[in-house]
Amino acid sequence: MFAGLATGQVDPGRFRFEHVLEDIQSLNDRASRGEMEITAISAHAYAYVRDRYLITRCGGSFGDGYGPVIISREPIQPAELPKVSIAIPGTTTSAFLALQLFRPGLKTRLLPFDRILSAVESGLVECGLIIHEAQVTYEQMGLYCVADLGKWWAQKTGDLPLPLGLNAIRRDLDPQVRRELETVLLASIRYALDNREDCVRHAMRYARDLGVEQADRFIGMYVNDLTLDMGERGQKALEEFLGRSHQAGITPNALPLEFA
């Protein structure tokens, strides 16, 4: 969604953007220390950095009827999950929060997100919770879906999308600066949606062995109208996600949501 900024096709205004290519758990950790003025974070992580950051209405990633997938090497049923170990991509990822809401108290093992597929395939762990591109590649490796947490969430909430990623701007920035930053981000997202083919080509350098069609499919899953503006539906989904997690005793209270 930020190819326009990265390639100079979108005017950054008076700002200089540094594109930090790190996994989402690392970005969550850095946000917990307030290191970056503007950053991507997990929806889950917002509950822990709310004192430092405000969220933007643009730039969010929502799984609309799909989302992180619990996979296995051999077919198993969700009821069997308490008997196995599940590799997770981070303790403050939205995928892990969704897993906790889906089945509390499961045995987990922390692994980098890009090692989970191979860990399941090799038998290092019985199951894995996959995010990012693995969602469109696990089947071709002969692995099985135990549960799609985005589908489960939609069924549980009356068809709400599952909040996964957010953009956050540090609270200590001047309000006018925050507004200008969000305007620039929105312009880059609009550019990506209007110039999808060019932006997919740009994204291919980070595609981790995806083909163009797979990359286009994956990008389309998470860069869409809800990314332009989460709107009432996206906000309701985020409130539901964080509200349920607080009620379950998993996260501190993150409501009401506070926007930049």
Protein backbone atom coordinates (compact mmCIF):
# COMPACT_ATOMS: atom_id res chain seq x y z
CA MET A 1 0.00 0.00 0.00
CA PHE A 2 2.98 2.30 0.33
CA ALA A 3 4.59 1.61 -3.04
CA GLY A 4 3.63 5.12 -4.15
CA LEU A 5 5.74 6.65 -1.40
CA ALA A 6 8.58 4.16 -1.81
CA THR A 7 8.85 4.81 -5.56
CA GLY A 8 8.41 8.58 -5.40
CA GLN A 9 5.04 8.56 -7.16
CA VAL A 10 3.31 10.15 -4.17
CA ASP A 11 4.43 13.51 -2.78
CA PRO A 12 5.54 13.08 0.84
CA GLY A 13 5.03 16.76 1.53
CA ARG A 14 7.39 18.13 4.15
CA PHE A 15 8.12 14.68 5.54
CA ARG A 16 10.86 12.12 4.95
CA PHE A 17 9.65 8.54 5.24
CA GLU A 18 11.95 5.66 6.17
CA HIS A 19 10.57 2.31 5.02
CA VAL A 20 11.36 -0.15 7.80
CA LEU A 21 11.01 -3.71 6.54
CA GLU A 22 10.62 -5.76 9.70
CA ASP A 23 8.20 -8.45 10.79
CA ILE A 24 5.08 -7.28 12.61
CA GLN A 25 6.13 -8.62 16.02
CA SER A 26 9.34 -6.57 15.80
CA LEU A 27 7.34 -3.47 14.84
CA ASN A 28 4.99 -4.08 17.77
CA ASP A 29 7.98 -4.32 20.10
CA ARG A 30 9.44 -1.08 18.77
CA ALA A 31 6.07 0.64 19.11
CA SER A 32 5.94 -0.45 22.76
CA ARG A 33 9.06 1.69 23.23
CA GLY A 34 7.68 4.57 21.14
CA GLU A 35 10.63 4.42 18.75
CA MET A 36 8.88 5.49 15.53
CA GLU A 37 6.70 8.50 14.82
CA ILE A 38 4.46 6.47 12.51
CA THR A 39 4.35 2.71 12.19
CA ALA A 40 2.33 -0.35 11.33
CA ILE A 41 1.19 -2.30 14.38
CA SER A 42 -1.04 -5.27 15.05
CA ALA A 43 -4.58 -4.51 16.15
CA HIS A 44 -3.74 -6.64 19.19
CA ALA A 45 -0.70 -4.49 20.01
CA TYR A 46 -2.79 -1.31 20.11
CA ALA A 47 -4.06 -2.39 23.53
CA TYR A 48 -0.48 -2.10 24.84
CA VAL A 49 0.68 1.07 23.04
CA ARG A 50 -2.50 3.14 23.34
CA ASP A 51 -0.76 5.52 25.74
CA ARG A 52 1.86 6.32 23.07
CA TYR A 53 -0.03 6.12 19.76
CA LEU A 54 -3.23 7.13 18.02
CA ILE A 55 -4.56 5.03 15.14
CA THR A 56 -5.46 6.17 11.65
CA ARG A 57 -8.66 5.34 9.81
CA CYS A 58 -6.67 4.46 6.72
CA GLY A 59 -4.04 1.77 6.30
CA GLY A 60 -5.74 -0.99 8.25
CA SER A 61 -5.71 -4.64 7.21
CA PHE A 62 -8.86 -6.67 7.84
CA GLY A 63 -9.63 -10.27 7.01
CA ASP A 64 -13.12 -10.11 5.53
CA GLY A 65 -14.31 -13.70 5.91
CA TYR A 66 -10.73 -15.02 5.93
CA GLY A 67 -7.66 -14.51 8.05
CA PRO A 68 -4.83 -16.27 9.86
CA VAL A 69 -5.04 -20.04 9.43
CA ILE A 70 -4.22 -22.84 11.84
CA ILE A 71 -2.52 -25.51 9.73
CA SER A 72 -1.37 -29.06 10.39
CA ARG A 73 0.80 -31.71 8.77
CA GLU A 74 -1.94 -34.32 9.14
CA PRO A 75 -5.69 -33.69 9.15
CA ILE A 76 -7.00 -32.92 12.64
CA GLN A 77 -10.16 -31.37 14.08
CA PRO A 78 -10.22 -28.12 16.10
CA ALA A 79 -11.29 -30.12 19.16
CA GLU A 80 -7.89 -31.87 19.04
CA LEU A 81 -5.86 -28.66 19.31
CA PRO A 82 -5.36 -28.89 23.12
CA LYS A 83 -3.33 -32.06 22.48
CA VAL A 84 -0.75 -30.43 20.19
CA SER A 85 1.83 -27.65 20.08
CA ILE A 86 1.09 -24.67 17.82
CA ALA A 87 3.78 -22.40 16.40
CA ILE A 88 2.74 -18.74 16.61
CA PRO A 89 4.28 -15.70 14.85
CA GLY A 90 4.36 -13.37 17.86
CA THR A 91 2.76 -12.79 21.23
CA THR A 92 1.22 -9.41 20.31
CA THR A 93 0.12 -10.33 16.80
CA SER A 94 -3.58 -10.17 16.02
CA ALA A 95 -3.36 -13.76 14.84
CA PHE A 96 -2.36 -14.89 18.33
CA LEU A 97 -5.12 -12.85 19.95
CA ALA A 98 -7.66 -14.42 17.58
CA LEU A 99 -6.27 -17.85 18.49
CA GLN A 100 -6.69 -17.10 22.20
CA LEU A 101 -10.29 -16.05 21.65
CA PHE A 102 -10.91 -19.12 19.47
CA ARG A 103 -9.44 -21.68 21.91
CA PRO A 104 -8.01 -20.31 25.17
CA GLY A 105 -5.08 -22.00 26.87
CA LEU A 106 -3.50 -23.83 23.95
CA LYS A 107 0.15 -24.89 24.06
CA THR A 108 2.17 -22.58 21.80
CA ARG A 109 5.72 -22.14 20.59
CA LEU A 110 7.07 -18.83 19.31
CA LEU A 111 8.70 -18.92 15.87
CA PRO A 112 9.43 -16.27 13.22
CA PHE A 113 6.41 -16.07 10.91
CA ASP A 114 8.44 -17.15 7.87
CA ARG A 115 9.64 -20.37 9.57
CA ILE A 116 6.24 -21.69 10.60
CA LEU A 117 5.37 -23.42 7.31
CA SER A 118 8.62 -25.37 7.24
CA ALA A 119 8.32 -26.18 10.96
CA VAL A 120 4.93 -27.80 10.36
CA GLU A 121 6.07 -29.53 7.17
CA SER A 122 9.12 -31.01 8.91
CA GLY A 123 7.18 -32.11 11.99
CA LEU A 124 9.03 -29.75 14.35
CA VAL A 125 5.56 -28.70 15.56
CA GLU A 126 2.21 -30.38 14.99
CA CYS A 127 0.40 -27.17 14.02
CA GLY A 128 1.17 -23.62 13.00
CA LEU A 129 -0.64 -20.31 12.99
CA ILE A 130 0.19 -18.71 9.65
CA ILE A 131 -0.05 -15.11 8.50
CA HIS A 132 1.02 -13.17 5.42
CA GLU A 133 1.80 -15.02 2.19
CA ALA A 134 1.70 -18.46 3.80
CA GLN A 135 -2.08 -18.16 3.73
CA VAL A 136 -2.05 -18.63 -0.05
CA THR A 137 0.77 -21.20 -0.27
CA TYR A 138 0.27 -23.78 2.50
CA GLU A 139 -2.06 -26.00 0.46
CA GLN A 140 0.48 -26.47 -2.33
CA MET A 141 2.86 -27.85 0.34
CA GLY A 142 0.32 -30.54 1.23
CA LEU A 143 -0.60 -29.02 4.58
CA TYR A 144 -4.11 -28.93 6.00
CA CYS A 145 -6.40 -26.20 7.32
CA VAL A 146 -7.58 -26.88 10.86
CA ALA A 147 -9.41 -23.55 11.16
CA ASP A 148 -9.53 -20.21 9.35
CA LEU A 149 -9.77 -17.67 12.17
CA GLY A 150 -11.16 -14.96 9.90
CA LYS A 151 -14.01 -17.23 8.86
CA TRP A 152 -14.62 -18.22 12.49
CA TRP A 153 -14.66 -14.57 13.55
CA ALA A 154 -17.17 -13.62 10.85
CA GLN A 155 -19.48 -16.43 11.99
CA LYS A 156 -19.05 -15.43 15.62
CA THR A 157 -19.75 -11.71 15.12
CA GLY A 158 -22.39 -11.54 12.42
CA ASP A 159 -20.04 -11.10 9.46
CA LEU A 160 -17.62 -8.54 10.89
CA PRO A 161 -14.11 -8.50 9.39
CA LEU A 162 -11.21 -9.61 11.58
CA PRO A 163 -8.92 -6.65 12.44
CA LEU A 164 -5.29 -7.55 11.83
CA GLY A 165 -3.06 -4.54 11.14
CA LEU A 166 -3.31 -0.81 11.85
CA ASN A 167 -1.31 2.31 11.19
CA ALA A 168 -0.43 4.32 14.28
CA ILE A 169 0.91 7.84 14.78
CA ARG A 170 2.67 8.91 17.95
CA ARG A 171 0.59 11.02 20.29
CA ASP A 172 3.33 13.55 21.03
CA LEU A 173 3.30 14.88 17.45
CA ASP A 174 1.53 18.15 16.77
CA PRO A 175 -2.13 17.58 15.73
CA GLN A 176 -1.54 19.35 12.41
CA VAL A 177 1.44 17.10 11.71
CA ARG A 178 -0.68 14.04 12.49
CA ARG A 179 -3.38 15.20 10.07
CA GLU A 180 -0.85 15.87 7.30
CA LEU A 181 0.79 12.48 7.80
CA GLU A 182 -2.52 10.68 7.50
CA THR A 183 -3.29 12.63 4.31
CA VAL A 184 -0.01 11.45 2.77
CA LEU A 185 -0.67 7.84 3.80
CA LEU A 186 -4.14 7.97 2.32
CA ALA A 187 -2.74 9.33 -0.96
CA SER A 188 -0.30 6.42 -1.16
CA ILE A 189 -3.06 3.87 -0.52
CA ARG A 190 -5.24 5.48 -3.22
CA TYR A 191 -2.30 5.35 -5.61
CA ALA A 192 -1.82 1.63 -4.88
CA LEU A 193 -5.46 0.82 -5.54
CA ASP A 194 -5.54 2.91 -8.71
CA ASN A 195 -2.25 1.47 -10.02
CA ARG A 196 -2.52 -2.07 -8.76
CA GLU A 197 -0.47 -3.77 -11.49
CA ASP A 198 2.51 -1.44 -11.02
CA CYS A 199 2.34 -1.75 -7.24
CA VAL A 200 2.15 -5.55 -7.39
CA ARG A 201 5.32 -5.52 -9.50
CA HIS A 202 6.98 -3.32 -6.87
CA ALA A 203 5.83 -5.68 -4.11
CA MET A 204 7.25 -8.74 -5.88
CA ARG A 205 10.73 -7.97 -4.55
CA TYR A 206 9.37 -8.73 -1.06
CA ALA A 207 7.07 -11.57 -2.10
CA ARG A 208 9.06 -14.47 -0.59
CA ASP A 209 8.74 -16.94 -3.49
CA LEU A 210 5.19 -16.01 -4.49
CA GLY A 211 4.24 -15.94 -8.14
CA VAL A 212 2.66 -12.79 -9.55
CA GLU A 213 -0.87 -14.24 -9.45
CA GLN A 214 -0.45 -15.39 -5.85
CA ALA A 215 1.00 -12.03 -4.84
CA ASP A 216 -1.87 -10.20 -6.51
CA ARG A 217 -4.38 -12.44 -4.72
CA PHE A 218 -2.71 -11.91 -1.36
CA ILE A 219 -2.45 -8.14 -1.77
CA GLY A 220 -6.10 -7.95 -2.82
CA MET A 221 -7.08 -9.75 0.38
CA TYR A 222 -5.63 -7.04 2.61
CA VAL A 223 -5.43 -3.83 0.55
CA ASN A 224 -8.96 -2.82 -0.33
CA ASP A 225 -11.77 -0.41 0.55
CA LEU A 226 -11.36 -1.12 4.27
CA THR A 227 -7.74 -0.03 3.88
CA LEU A 228 -8.81 3.33 2.47
CA ASP A 229 -11.10 3.88 5.44
CA MET A 230 -12.12 1.30 8.02
CA GLY A 231 -15.49 3.07 8.25
CA GLU A 232 -18.16 2.15 10.77
CA ARG A 233 -17.90 -1.57 9.98
CA GLY A 234 -14.16 -1.71 10.51
CA GLN A 235 -14.35 0.38 13.67
CA LYS A 236 -17.10 -1.84 15.06
CA ALA A 237 -14.99 -4.92 14.29
CA LEU A 238 -11.97 -3.41 16.06
CA GLU A 239 -14.06 -2.45 19.08
CA GLU A 240 -15.51 -5.96 19.20
CA PHE A 241 -12.07 -7.59 18.91
CA LEU A 242 -10.45 -5.52 21.64
CA GLY A 243 -13.58 -5.49 23.78
CA ARG A 244 -13.84 -9.27 23.78
CA SER A 245 -10.14 -9.66 24.53
CA HIS A 246 -10.43 -7.33 27.52
CA GLN A 247 -13.52 -9.13 28.80
CA ALA A 248 -11.61 -12.41 28.51
CA GLY A 249 -8.78 -10.98 30.61
CA ILE A 250 -6.26 -11.19 27.77
CA THR A 251 -5.53 -7.49 27.13
CA PRO A 252 -5.86 -4.22 29.03
CA ASN A 253 -8.83 -2.06 28.14
CA ALA A 254 -8.23 -0.32 24.79
CA LEU A 255 -11.60 1.38 24.45
CA PRO A 256 -12.70 3.87 23.41
CA LEU A 257 -10.57 3.84 20.29
CA GLU A 258 -8.64 7.07 19.75
CA PHE A 259 -7.92 8.24 16.22
CA ALA A 260 -5.29 10.61 14.89
